[in-house]
């Protein structure tokens, strides 16, 4: 179980184990970037009605969800928003 979320048992054990290892490596990577004491928040709703004047005629609020927010020891917020693709890419 990772943070209260059980990995589906319909996946073959090797796939489950690989997914768990990948998640552990990802967490370590994020901690290397933002510090071991960084805080992880997942699926955070983002809502605002503070719209820049040039866009107020288009919409009156913005609603979304951040896949992952990481807060470092200085209180700086880093937003990670993942996209689905068949292509594996890494960007910094």
Protein backbone atom coordinates (compact mmCIF):
# COMPACT_ATOMS: atom_id res chain seq x y z
CA UNK A 1 0.00 0.00 0.00
CA UNK A 2 1.38 3.41 -0.97
CA UNK A 3 -0.01 6.26 1.12
CA UNK A 4 -3.34 4.57 1.65
CA UNK A 5 -3.75 3.54 -1.98
CA UNK A 6 -3.61 -0.16 -2.64
CA UNK A 7 -1.94 -1.27 -5.88
CA UNK A 8 -4.57 -3.29 -7.82
CA UNK A 9 -4.07 -7.02 -7.38
CA UNK A 10 -5.15 -7.69 -10.98
CA UNK A 11 -1.68 -6.61 -12.07
CA UNK A 12 0.96 -9.32 -12.22
CA UNK A 13 3.24 -9.27 -9.19
CA UNK A 14 6.26 -8.25 -11.29
CA UNK A 15 4.37 -5.24 -12.68
CA UNK A 16 3.18 -4.23 -9.21
CA UNK A 17 6.71 -4.51 -7.81
CA UNK A 18 8.13 -2.48 -10.70
CA UNK A 19 5.50 0.23 -10.15
CA UNK A 20 6.29 0.40 -6.44
CA UNK A 21 10.04 0.66 -7.14
CA UNK A 22 9.43 3.38 -9.73
CA UNK A 23 7.35 5.34 -7.20
CA UNK A 24 10.06 5.01 -4.55
CA UNK A 25 12.68 6.29 -7.02
CA UNK A 26 10.44 9.18 -8.03
CA UNK A 27 9.95 10.18 -4.38
CA UNK A 28 13.71 10.06 -3.80
CA UNK A 29 14.27 12.16 -6.95
CA UNK A 30 11.83 14.81 -5.71
CA UNK A 31 13.49 14.80 -2.28
CA UNK A 32 16.90 15.27 -3.94
CA UNK A 33 15.53 18.35 -5.70
CA UNK A 34 13.47 19.91 -2.87
CA UNK A 35 15.01 18.46 0.31
CA UNK A 36 14.38 15.40 2.44
CA UNK A 37 11.93 17.35 4.60
CA UNK A 38 9.69 18.51 1.74
CA UNK A 39 5.95 17.91 2.03
CA UNK A 40 3.93 16.04 -0.61
CA UNK A 41 0.27 16.86 -1.35
CA UNK A 42 -1.57 14.97 -4.07
CA UNK A 43 -4.72 15.72 -6.08
CA UNK A 44 -5.05 19.24 -4.64
CA UNK A 45 -8.07 21.23 -5.89
CA UNK A 46 -7.20 24.69 -7.18
CA UNK A 47 -9.99 27.27 -7.38
CA UNK A 48 -9.82 31.02 -7.89
CA UNK A 49 -11.98 33.90 -9.01
CA UNK A 50 -8.98 36.24 -9.05
CA UNK A 51 -8.79 36.56 -12.85
CA UNK A 52 -6.48 38.98 -14.66
CA UNK A 53 -8.57 41.85 -16.09
CA UNK A 54 -7.78 40.98 -19.72
CA UNK A 55 -9.39 37.53 -19.24
CA UNK A 56 -12.46 38.45 -17.16
CA UNK A 57 -14.58 38.70 -20.31
CA UNK A 58 -13.76 35.04 -21.10
CA UNK A 59 -14.48 33.42 -17.71
CA UNK A 60 -15.13 34.38 -14.11
CA UNK A 61 -13.32 31.57 -12.30
CA UNK A 62 -10.71 28.88 -12.81
CA UNK A 63 -11.01 25.39 -11.34
CA UNK A 64 -8.51 22.58 -11.60
CA UNK A 65 -6.58 19.95 -9.75
CA UNK A 66 -2.82 19.72 -9.24
CA UNK A 67 -1.51 16.17 -9.49
CA UNK A 68 1.25 16.85 -6.99
CA UNK A 69 2.28 19.84 -4.92
CA UNK A 70 5.63 19.76 -3.15
CA UNK A 71 6.38 22.33 -0.46
CA UNK A 72 10.07 22.76 0.36
CA UNK A 73 11.56 23.80 3.71
CA UNK A 74 11.38 27.47 2.69
CA UNK A 75 7.65 27.23 2.04
CA UNK A 76 8.12 27.47 -1.73
CA UNK A 77 5.37 25.59 -3.58
CA UNK A 78 6.29 23.46 -6.61
CA UNK A 79 3.41 22.21 -8.78
CA UNK A 80 3.74 18.99 -10.77
CA UNK A 81 1.06 18.31 -13.36
CA UNK A 82 1.46 15.01 -15.18
CA UNK A 83 0.22 14.31 -18.70
CA UNK A 84 -0.57 10.97 -20.29
CA UNK A 85 1.41 9.92 -23.34
CA UNK A 86 2.59 6.79 -25.09
CA UNK A 87 5.96 8.48 -25.46
CA UNK A 88 8.45 8.52 -22.59
CA UNK A 89 10.10 11.93 -22.17
CA UNK A 90 11.96 13.71 -19.42
CA UNK A 91 12.08 17.48 -19.13
CA UNK A 92 13.65 19.71 -16.52
